[in-house]
């Protein structure tokens, strides 16, 4: 059984090393193209999360319940 190296690049290089030069060049092209594509960014503001949790209990009641259960 072989253990994968801590560096993922070394692991993949060992995996791809036996491939032909043409196949390696094709992979380089595909990797380069994938780096040129913009990555979508999602900005989640804390305002969007405000009020997401709804309960009939007040915050103080919830905290008191947590403390009671933690003390048990």
N, C-alpha and C. Protein backbone atom coordinates (compact mmCIF):
# COMPACT_ATOMS: atom_id res chain seq x y z
N UNK A 1 0.86 -1.18 0.00
CA UNK A 1 0.00 0.00 0.00
C UNK A 1 0.89 1.23 0.00
N UNK A 2 0.58 2.19 -0.88
CA UNK A 2 1.36 3.43 -0.92
C UNK A 2 0.57 4.55 -0.26
N UNK A 3 1.28 5.45 0.35
CA UNK A 3 0.66 6.58 1.01
C UNK A 3 0.86 7.81 0.13
N UNK A 4 -0.20 8.55 -0.09
CA UNK A 4 -0.13 9.75 -0.92
C UNK A 4 0.71 10.80 -0.22
N UNK A 5 1.56 11.51 -0.97
CA UNK A 5 2.38 12.55 -0.36
C UNK A 5 1.50 13.70 0.15
N UNK A 6 2.05 14.47 1.07
CA UNK A 6 1.31 15.58 1.66
C UNK A 6 1.02 16.66 0.62
N UNK A 7 1.87 16.78 -0.39
CA UNK A 7 1.70 17.80 -1.42
C UNK A 7 0.85 17.21 -2.56
N UNK A 8 -0.35 17.73 -2.79
CA UNK A 8 -1.20 17.18 -3.86
C UNK A 8 -0.55 17.28 -5.24
N UNK A 9 0.25 18.31 -5.47
CA UNK A 9 0.89 18.44 -6.78
C UNK A 9 1.82 17.26 -7.04
N UNK A 10 2.54 16.81 -6.03
CA UNK A 10 3.43 15.65 -6.20
C UNK A 10 2.63 14.39 -6.48
N UNK A 11 1.50 14.26 -5.81
CA UNK A 11 0.64 13.09 -6.03
C UNK A 11 0.17 13.05 -7.48
N UNK A 12 -0.35 14.17 -7.97
CA UNK A 12 -0.86 14.20 -9.34
C UNK A 12 0.25 14.09 -10.37
N UNK A 13 1.42 14.64 -10.07
CA UNK A 13 2.53 14.51 -11.00
C UNK A 13 2.93 13.05 -11.15
N UNK A 14 2.99 12.33 -10.04
CA UNK A 14 3.32 10.91 -10.10
C UNK A 14 2.26 10.14 -10.88
N UNK A 15 1.02 10.55 -10.75
CA UNK A 15 -0.08 9.90 -11.46
C UNK A 15 0.00 10.17 -12.97
N UNK A 16 0.40 11.39 -13.33
CA UNK A 16 0.41 11.80 -14.74
C UNK A 16 1.74 11.54 -15.44
N UNK A 17 2.77 11.24 -14.70
CA UNK A 17 4.12 11.07 -15.25
C UNK A 17 4.19 10.04 -16.39
N UNK A 18 3.52 8.91 -16.30
CA UNK A 18 3.64 7.93 -17.39
C UNK A 18 2.89 8.29 -18.67
N UNK A 19 2.11 9.36 -18.68
CA UNK A 19 1.36 9.73 -19.87
C UNK A 19 2.28 10.21 -20.97
N UNK A 20 1.78 10.17 -22.19
CA UNK A 20 2.56 10.64 -23.34
C UNK A 20 2.69 12.16 -23.30
N UNK A 21 3.66 12.68 -24.05
CA UNK A 21 3.89 14.12 -24.10
C UNK A 21 2.67 14.85 -24.66
N UNK A 22 2.03 14.28 -25.67
CA UNK A 22 0.84 14.92 -26.26
C UNK A 22 -0.31 15.01 -25.25
N UNK A 23 -0.50 13.96 -24.50
CA UNK A 23 -1.56 13.96 -23.49
C UNK A 23 -1.26 15.00 -22.40
N UNK A 24 0.00 15.08 -22.00
CA UNK A 24 0.39 16.07 -20.99
C UNK A 24 0.16 17.49 -21.51
N UNK A 25 0.48 17.73 -22.78
CA UNK A 25 0.25 19.06 -23.36
C UNK A 25 -1.23 19.39 -23.41
N UNK A 26 -2.06 18.40 -23.74
CA UNK A 26 -3.51 18.62 -23.74
C UNK A 26 -4.00 18.98 -22.34
N UNK A 27 -3.47 18.31 -21.34
CA UNK A 27 -3.85 18.62 -19.97
C UNK A 27 -3.41 20.02 -19.57
N UNK A 28 -2.23 20.43 -20.01
CA UNK A 28 -1.74 21.78 -19.72
C UNK A 28 -2.68 22.82 -20.32
N UNK A 29 -3.11 22.59 -21.56
CA UNK A 29 -4.02 23.52 -22.22
C UNK A 29 -5.34 23.61 -21.45
N UNK A 30 -5.88 22.47 -21.07
CA UNK A 30 -7.15 22.46 -20.34
C UNK A 30 -7.02 23.14 -18.98
N UNK A 31 -5.93 22.91 -18.28
CA UNK A 31 -5.71 23.56 -16.99
C UNK A 31 -5.56 25.07 -17.17
N UNK A 32 -4.82 25.47 -18.20
CA UNK A 32 -4.64 26.90 -18.46
C UNK A 32 -5.97 27.57 -18.77
N UNK A 33 -6.79 26.93 -19.57
CA UNK A 33 -8.11 27.50 -19.89
C UNK A 33 -9.00 27.58 -18.66
N UNK A 34 -8.89 26.61 -17.78
CA UNK A 34 -9.72 26.65 -16.58
C UNK A 34 -9.31 27.79 -15.66
N UNK A 35 -8.05 28.18 -15.69
CA UNK A 35 -7.58 29.29 -14.86
C UNK A 35 -8.03 30.64 -15.42
N UNK A 36 -8.27 30.70 -16.72
CA UNK A 36 -8.68 31.95 -17.35
C UNK A 36 -10.15 32.25 -17.16
N UNK A 37 -10.95 31.25 -16.80
CA UNK A 37 -12.38 31.46 -16.60
C UNK A 37 -12.59 32.17 -15.26
N UNK A 38 -13.41 33.20 -15.26
CA UNK A 38 -13.66 33.90 -14.00
C UNK A 38 -14.42 33.02 -13.02
N UNK A 39 -14.04 33.11 -11.77
CA UNK A 39 -14.76 32.35 -10.75
C UNK A 39 -15.87 33.23 -10.19
N UNK A 40 -17.06 32.67 -10.09
CA UNK A 40 -18.17 33.47 -9.57
C UNK A 40 -17.96 33.78 -8.09
N UNK A 41 -18.21 35.01 -7.74
CA UNK A 41 -18.10 35.40 -6.34
C UNK A 41 -19.50 35.62 -5.79
N UNK A 42 -19.70 35.17 -4.60
CA UNK A 42 -20.98 35.37 -3.95
C UNK A 42 -20.73 36.18 -2.69
N UNK A 43 -21.29 37.35 -2.67
CA UNK A 43 -21.18 38.21 -1.51
C UNK A 43 -22.42 38.03 -0.65
N UNK A 44 -22.22 37.43 0.49
CA UNK A 44 -23.32 37.25 1.43
C UNK A 44 -23.10 38.23 2.56
N UNK A 45 -24.01 39.16 2.67
CA UNK A 45 -23.89 40.14 3.75
C UNK A 45 -24.56 39.60 5.00
N UNK A 46 -24.13 40.09 6.12
CA UNK A 46 -24.76 39.70 7.37
C UNK A 46 -26.20 40.20 7.44
N UNK A 47 -26.50 41.26 6.72
CA UNK A 47 -27.87 41.77 6.68
C UNK A 47 -28.82 40.71 6.12
N UNK A 48 -28.34 39.93 5.15
CA UNK A 48 -29.19 38.91 4.55
C UNK A 48 -29.51 37.79 5.55
N UNK A 49 -28.66 37.60 6.54
CA UNK A 49 -28.87 36.56 7.53
C UNK A 49 -29.70 37.03 8.72
N UNK A 50 -29.88 38.31 8.85
CA UNK A 50 -30.60 38.86 9.99
C UNK A 50 -32.04 38.38 9.98
N UNK A 51 -32.48 37.87 11.11
CA UNK A 51 -33.86 37.44 11.25
C UNK A 51 -34.15 36.09 10.64
N UNK A 52 -33.12 35.34 10.27
CA UNK A 52 -33.34 34.06 9.62
C UNK A 52 -33.91 33.03 10.59
N UNK A 53 -33.60 33.15 11.88
CA UNK A 53 -34.10 32.20 12.88
C UNK A 53 -35.32 32.80 13.57
N UNK A 54 -36.41 32.07 13.52
CA UNK A 54 -37.63 32.57 14.15
C UNK A 54 -38.03 31.61 15.25
N UNK A 55 -38.38 32.17 16.39
CA UNK A 55 -38.80 31.37 17.52
C UNK A 55 -39.80 32.16 18.34
N UNK A 56 -40.68 31.43 19.02
CA UNK A 56 -41.64 32.08 19.91
C UNK A 56 -40.95 32.53 21.19
N UNK A 57 -39.78 31.94 21.49
CA UNK A 57 -39.04 32.30 22.69
C UNK A 57 -38.19 33.55 22.43
N UNK A 58 -37.97 34.30 23.50
CA UNK A 58 -37.06 35.45 23.38
C UNK A 58 -35.63 34.94 23.44
N UNK A 59 -34.70 35.78 23.08
CA UNK A 59 -33.29 35.39 23.12
C UNK A 59 -32.88 35.00 24.53
N UNK A 60 -33.37 35.75 25.54
CA UNK A 60 -33.03 35.44 26.93
C UNK A 60 -33.55 34.06 27.34
N UNK A 61 -34.74 33.70 26.88
CA UNK A 61 -35.30 32.39 27.20
C UNK A 61 -34.49 31.27 26.54
N UNK A 62 -34.07 31.49 25.32
CA UNK A 62 -33.25 30.49 24.62
C UNK A 62 -31.94 30.29 25.35
N UNK A 63 -31.29 31.39 25.73
CA UNK A 63 -30.01 31.31 26.44
C UNK A 63 -30.18 30.60 27.78
N UNK A 64 -31.26 30.92 28.50
CA UNK A 64 -31.51 30.27 29.78
C UNK A 64 -31.70 28.77 29.59
N UNK A 65 -32.40 28.37 28.55
CA UNK A 65 -32.60 26.95 28.27
C UNK A 65 -31.30 26.24 27.95
N UNK A 66 -30.44 26.90 27.20
CA UNK A 66 -29.12 26.33 26.89
C UNK A 66 -28.31 26.13 28.15
N UNK A 67 -28.34 27.12 29.02
CA UNK A 67 -27.58 27.04 30.28
C UNK A 67 -28.11 25.91 31.17
N UNK A 68 -29.41 25.75 31.21
CA UNK A 68 -30.01 24.68 32.03
C UNK A 68 -29.57 23.32 31.50
N UNK A 69 -29.64 23.14 30.17
CA UNK A 69 -29.25 21.85 29.58
C UNK A 69 -27.76 21.60 29.74
N UNK A 70 -26.94 22.64 29.68
CA UNK A 70 -25.50 22.47 29.82
C UNK A 70 -25.13 22.11 31.25
N UNK A 71 -25.92 22.54 32.23
CA UNK A 71 -25.64 22.26 33.62
C UNK A 71 -26.05 20.85 34.02
N UNK A 72 -26.87 20.20 33.22
CA UNK A 72 -27.34 18.85 33.56
C UNK A 72 -26.27 17.82 33.41
